[in-house]
Protein backbone atom coordinates (compact mmCIF):
# COMPACT_ATOMS: atom_id res chain seq x y z
CA MET A 1 99.66 116.06 76.01
CA ASP A 2 99.10 112.53 74.66
CA LYS A 3 97.38 109.85 76.75
CA ILE A 4 97.56 106.12 77.31
CA ARG A 5 94.50 104.67 79.04
CA ILE A 6 94.40 101.54 81.18
CA GLU A 7 90.79 100.83 82.07
CA ASN A 8 89.23 98.63 84.73
CA LEU A 9 92.20 96.60 85.90
CA GLU A 10 90.70 94.06 88.33
CA LEU A 11 92.87 93.29 91.36
CA PHE A 12 92.53 91.80 94.85
CA GLY A 13 93.79 93.66 97.87
CA TYR A 14 93.45 94.17 101.61
CA HIS A 15 92.34 97.76 102.03
CA GLY A 16 89.61 99.15 104.24
CA VAL A 17 88.69 100.66 107.58
CA PHE A 18 87.11 97.48 108.95
CA GLU A 19 89.12 94.56 110.28
CA GLU A 20 87.32 92.09 107.99
CA GLU A 21 88.45 94.03 104.92
CA ALA A 22 92.07 93.91 106.01
CA VAL A 23 91.85 90.17 106.77
CA LEU A 24 89.58 88.75 104.06
CA GLY A 25 90.42 91.21 101.28
CA GLN A 26 88.24 92.21 98.34
CA LYS A 27 88.25 93.23 94.70
CA PHE A 28 89.41 96.65 93.56
CA ILE A 29 89.16 98.10 90.05
CA VAL A 30 91.87 100.55 88.95
CA SER A 31 91.94 102.74 85.86
CA ALA A 32 94.80 105.03 84.83
CA VAL A 33 95.21 107.82 82.31
CA LEU A 34 98.91 108.33 81.62
CA TYR A 35 100.03 111.66 80.15
CA LEU A 36 103.20 111.63 78.07
CA ASP A 37 104.60 112.59 74.68
CA THR A 38 104.04 109.67 72.24
CA ARG A 39 105.17 111.53 69.10
CA LYS A 40 108.54 109.80 68.78
CA ALA A 41 107.05 106.38 69.47
CA GLY A 42 104.41 107.01 66.81
CA LYS A 43 107.05 108.03 64.27
CA THR A 44 109.55 105.23 64.97
CA ASP A 45 107.17 102.41 66.02
CA GLU A 46 109.70 101.59 68.77
CA LEU A 47 108.44 100.51 72.21
CA LYS A 48 111.53 102.01 73.88
CA GLU A 49 110.29 105.45 72.82
CA SER A 50 106.98 105.02 74.65
CA LEU A 51 105.70 103.40 77.82
CA ASP A 52 105.25 99.66 78.21
CA TYR A 53 101.75 99.55 79.67
CA SER A 54 102.26 95.95 80.78
CA ASP A 55 104.96 97.26 83.14
CA VAL A 56 102.51 99.88 84.40
CA CYS A 57 99.86 97.22 85.04
CA GLN A 58 102.34 95.10 86.98
CA LYS A 59 103.38 98.08 89.09
CA ILE A 60 99.73 98.88 89.93
CA LYS A 61 99.10 95.21 90.73
CA GLU A 62 102.12 95.15 93.06
CA ILE A 63 100.88 98.20 94.98
CA VAL A 64 97.29 96.98 95.34
CA GLU A 65 98.31 93.48 96.41
CA ARG A 66 101.24 94.26 98.72
CA GLU A 67 100.41 97.55 100.41
CA ARG A 68 97.75 98.23 103.04
CA CYS A 69 95.54 101.32 103.17
CA GLN A 70 92.40 102.11 105.11
CA LEU A 71 91.13 104.54 102.47
CA ILE A 72 90.96 104.20 98.69
CA GLU A 73 92.14 107.83 98.62
CA CYS A 74 95.42 106.58 100.13
CA LEU A 75 95.63 103.72 97.65
CA ALA A 76 95.08 106.06 94.69
CA GLU A 77 97.76 108.43 96.05
CA ARG A 78 100.31 105.65 96.38
CA ILE A 79 99.63 104.38 92.87
CA ALA A 80 99.98 107.84 91.35
CA GLU A 81 103.21 108.64 93.20
CA LYS A 82 104.78 105.26 92.41
CA LEU A 83 104.03 105.53 88.69
CA LEU A 84 105.38 109.08 88.45
CA LEU A 85 108.56 108.15 90.32
CA THR A 86 109.11 104.92 88.36
CA PHE A 87 108.49 105.96 84.76
CA ASP A 88 110.49 109.00 83.66
CA VAL A 89 108.39 109.63 80.54
CA LEU A 90 105.27 110.30 82.61
CA LYS A 91 104.33 113.94 83.15
CA ASN A 92 100.94 113.52 84.80
CA VAL A 93 98.60 110.69 85.77
CA GLU A 94 94.91 110.35 86.53
CA ILE A 95 94.10 107.41 88.79
CA THR A 96 90.66 106.02 89.56
CA VAL A 97 90.20 103.37 92.26
CA LYS A 98 86.80 101.68 92.48
CA LYS A 99 85.65 99.60 95.44
CA PRO A 100 82.72 97.40 94.29
CA TRP A 101 82.05 95.79 97.66
CA ALA A 102 82.16 98.87 99.83
CA PRO A 103 80.40 98.16 103.18
CA VAL A 104 77.89 101.02 103.12
CA LEU A 105 74.73 99.02 103.96
CA VAL A 106 72.90 100.06 100.78
CA HIS A 107 72.99 98.66 97.25
CA LEU A 108 75.44 100.38 94.92
CA GLU A 109 77.65 99.48 91.98
CA ASN A 110 80.84 100.79 93.54
CA VAL A 111 82.47 103.63 95.44
CA ALA A 112 85.28 105.36 93.54
CA VAL A 113 87.87 108.09 93.92
CA THR A 114 89.71 109.83 91.08
CA ILE A 115 92.85 111.93 91.56
CA GLU A 116 95.17 113.79 89.21
CA ARG A 117 98.85 114.15 90.05
CA GLY A 118 101.91 115.28 88.14
CA TRP A 119 105.26 116.98 88.04
CA HIS A 120 105.46 120.72 88.70
CA ARG A 121 108.24 123.17 87.91
CA ALA A 122 109.16 125.63 90.64
CA TYR A 123 111.88 128.20 91.21
CA LEU A 124 113.46 128.90 94.59
CA SER A 125 115.75 131.60 95.91
CA ILE A 126 118.43 130.67 98.44
CA GLY A 127 120.60 133.00 100.47
CA SER A 128 122.95 133.12 103.47
CA ASN A 129 125.09 135.69 105.28
CA ILE A 130 126.15 133.85 108.44
CA GLY A 131 128.95 131.31 108.85
CA ASP A 132 129.72 128.93 106.00
CA ARG A 133 127.45 130.67 103.49
CA GLU A 134 128.29 128.40 100.55
CA GLY A 135 127.93 125.35 102.74
CA TYR A 136 124.43 126.40 103.79
CA LEU A 137 123.36 126.95 100.16
CA ASP A 138 124.76 123.55 99.23
CA LEU A 139 122.85 122.06 102.17
CA ALA A 140 119.56 123.28 100.66
CA ILE A 141 120.36 121.73 97.28
CA ASP A 142 121.47 118.43 98.81
CA TYR A 143 118.35 118.24 100.97
CA LEU A 144 116.05 118.80 97.98
CA ASN A 145 117.85 116.20 95.89
CA LYS A 146 117.41 113.63 98.66
CA GLU A 147 113.63 114.14 98.65
CA ARG A 148 112.08 111.25 96.72
CA ASP A 149 109.47 113.50 95.11
CA THR A 150 111.74 116.41 94.14
CA LYS A 151 114.75 116.88 91.87
CA VAL A 152 116.92 119.95 91.33
CA THR A 153 117.20 120.55 87.58
CA ALA A 154 119.19 123.82 87.45
CA VAL A 155 121.38 125.83 89.83
CA SER A 156 122.68 129.34 89.24
CA ASP A 157 126.14 130.49 90.19
CA TYR A 158 126.24 132.00 93.67
CA ILE A 159 126.59 135.76 93.73
CA GLU A 160 127.76 138.14 96.47
CA THR A 161 125.17 140.82 97.27
CA LYS A 162 124.63 143.68 99.67
CA PRO A 163 121.93 143.19 102.34
CA TYR A 164 118.37 144.22 101.47
CA GLY A 165 116.14 146.07 103.93
CA TYR A 166 118.06 145.87 107.21
CA VAL A 167 121.55 146.90 106.07
CA GLU A 168 123.53 146.58 109.32
CA GLN A 169 124.69 143.06 108.53
CA ASP A 170 127.21 141.14 106.43
CA ASP A 171 126.95 140.61 102.68
CA PHE A 172 124.89 137.70 101.36
CA LEU A 173 125.64 134.81 99.07
CA ASN A 174 122.58 134.22 96.86
CA GLY A 175 121.47 131.78 94.21
CA ALA A 176 118.41 130.43 92.41
CA LEU A 177 117.22 126.88 91.79
CA GLU A 178 114.89 125.26 89.31
CA ILE A 179 113.21 122.11 90.61
CA GLU A 180 110.70 119.53 89.47
CA THR A 181 108.46 118.32 92.26
CA LEU A 182 105.34 116.35 93.08
CA LYS A 183 104.79 118.52 96.15
CA THR A 184 101.94 121.00 96.38
CA PRO A 185 102.88 124.65 96.98
CA ARG A 186 102.10 124.32 100.69
CA GLU A 187 104.09 121.08 100.97
CA LEU A 188 106.99 122.85 99.27
CA LEU A 189 106.70 125.71 101.77
CA GLU A 190 106.83 123.22 104.64
CA THR A 191 109.92 121.61 103.10
CA ALA A 192 111.61 125.01 102.75
CA MET A 193 111.01 125.70 106.44
CA VAL A 194 112.42 122.30 107.39
CA ILE A 195 115.55 123.02 105.33
CA GLU A 196 115.99 126.37 107.08
CA GLY A 197 115.62 124.53 110.37
CA GLU A 198 118.40 122.16 109.36
CA ALA A 199 120.61 125.24 109.05
CA HIS A 200 119.44 126.47 112.50
CA ARG A 201 117.75 129.51 110.99
CA GLU A 202 116.51 132.01 113.59
CA ARG A 203 113.95 134.71 112.77
CA LEU A 204 115.03 137.48 115.12
CA VAL A 205 115.04 140.57 112.86
CA HIS A 206 112.86 141.10 109.78
CA TRP A 207 115.16 140.89 106.74
CA GLY A 208 117.97 140.40 109.22
CA PRO A 209 121.01 138.10 109.14
CA ARG A 210 120.33 134.40 108.57
CA THR A 211 122.17 131.15 108.10
CA LEU A 212 119.82 130.13 105.30
CA ASP A 213 116.84 131.62 103.53
CA VAL A 214 114.78 129.44 101.16
CA ASP A 215 111.98 131.27 99.33
CA ILE A 216 109.53 129.98 96.75
CA LEU A 217 109.62 132.36 93.78
CA PHE A 218 107.35 130.61 91.28
CA TYR A 219 105.31 127.41 91.11
CA ASP A 220 104.27 126.63 87.53
CA ASP A 221 102.30 129.74 86.57
CA GLU A 222 100.13 129.69 89.68
CA ILE A 223 99.10 132.81 91.55
CA ILE A 224 98.50 132.19 95.27
CA MET A 225 97.78 135.01 97.70
CA GLU A 226 97.31 133.56 101.18
CA GLU A 227 98.41 135.05 104.48
CA ASP A 228 101.46 132.81 104.86
CA LEU A 229 102.00 131.77 101.24
CA LYS A 230 102.32 134.19 98.35
CA ILE A 231 103.36 132.93 94.93
CA PRO A 232 104.90 134.54 92.94
CA HIS A 233 107.01 136.03 95.73
CA VAL A 234 105.83 139.64 95.97
CA GLU A 235 109.33 141.16 96.26
CA ILE A 236 110.76 139.66 93.05
CA PRO A 237 110.65 142.84 90.89
CA LYS A 238 112.52 144.81 93.60
CA ARG A 239 115.35 142.35 94.20
CA ALA A 240 118.37 142.22 91.92
CA PHE A 241 119.81 139.42 94.08
CA VAL A 242 116.81 137.31 93.03
CA LEU A 243 116.53 138.42 89.42
CA GLU A 244 120.21 138.04 88.52
CA PRO A 245 120.40 134.33 89.48
CA MET A 246 117.00 133.75 87.84
CA VAL A 247 118.24 135.31 84.62
CA ALA A 248 121.19 132.90 84.76
CA ILE A 249 118.95 129.80 84.74
CA ALA A 250 115.63 130.99 83.24
CA PRO A 251 116.04 134.32 81.43
CA TYR A 252 112.85 133.92 79.39
CA TYR A 253 110.60 132.70 82.17
CA VAL A 254 107.64 135.09 82.23
CA HIS A 255 106.26 136.44 85.50
CA PRO A 256 102.57 135.38 85.56
CA VAL A 257 101.44 138.70 87.10
CA PHE A 258 103.64 141.30 85.39
CA HIS A 259 103.91 139.39 82.09
CA LYS A 260 107.58 140.24 81.72
CA SER A 261 110.52 137.85 81.46
CA MET A 262 113.17 137.67 84.17
CA GLY A 263 115.56 139.48 81.87
CA GLU A 264 113.05 142.26 81.25
CA LEU A 265 112.29 142.67 84.97
CA LEU A 266 116.01 142.91 85.74
CA GLU A 267 116.46 145.55 83.05
CA VAL A 268 113.55 147.59 84.47
CA LEU A 269 115.04 147.38 87.96
CA LYS A 270 118.51 148.43 86.78
CA ASN A 271 117.03 151.43 84.97
CA LYS A 272 115.26 152.49 88.18
CA ILE A 273 118.50 152.19 90.15
CA ASP A 274 120.38 154.26 87.57
CA GLU A 275 117.80 157.08 87.60
């Protein structure tokens, strides 16, 4: 990925834990590494094909001067998020905020924090078998699209499927979504649970009937195995109602554990069913 660097932008702001810092203000130094594709700009020599770094500087200046944070970690976070949400060409950013006059009672050049943030691609499975099933699936999509740091980029057709596991229940309507998000995997999990709550989801029977189920299938190519968060979802290879919608929107996406595409995993599953 190509980079544009903005180094040591000197600004004045009102950030700090102590009252004097919030009242009197002080100097902050901000640097940014902006990750984007500059190939077309380099070939055409057209500014519209790249990123106007003067606009980026003005946006950083606006945040530092107008907003109030106690911690430079917070200030760096707000700068990174604002740049990623404002400039579509940006894929990732690295932000460094230096505080030269940090009140630490010893001589130092500055205190600094550096963070890296960027867009992530994730895939979700959605399902419902109670009430207005299509309405509940649409609710999940609408909720995600209203999140300022998330956008739904692909939606499969909804398919009718038989229940999995606990079979004494109505048929499901299932689909798959591709999203781009600034959320971490755990933040995305929390959002999924909030969405289920909006649909009044109740967890009464394992694999039982539900108004809305929102599962994280994949997050980039990460492998996370924690007690309450497992990515990729461990049941993917066993579930045709997950694989079929995934094949519709990402047939060549490769499972980071099994190293097979969605199409290949679905074919393996169908062969097992036919045996």
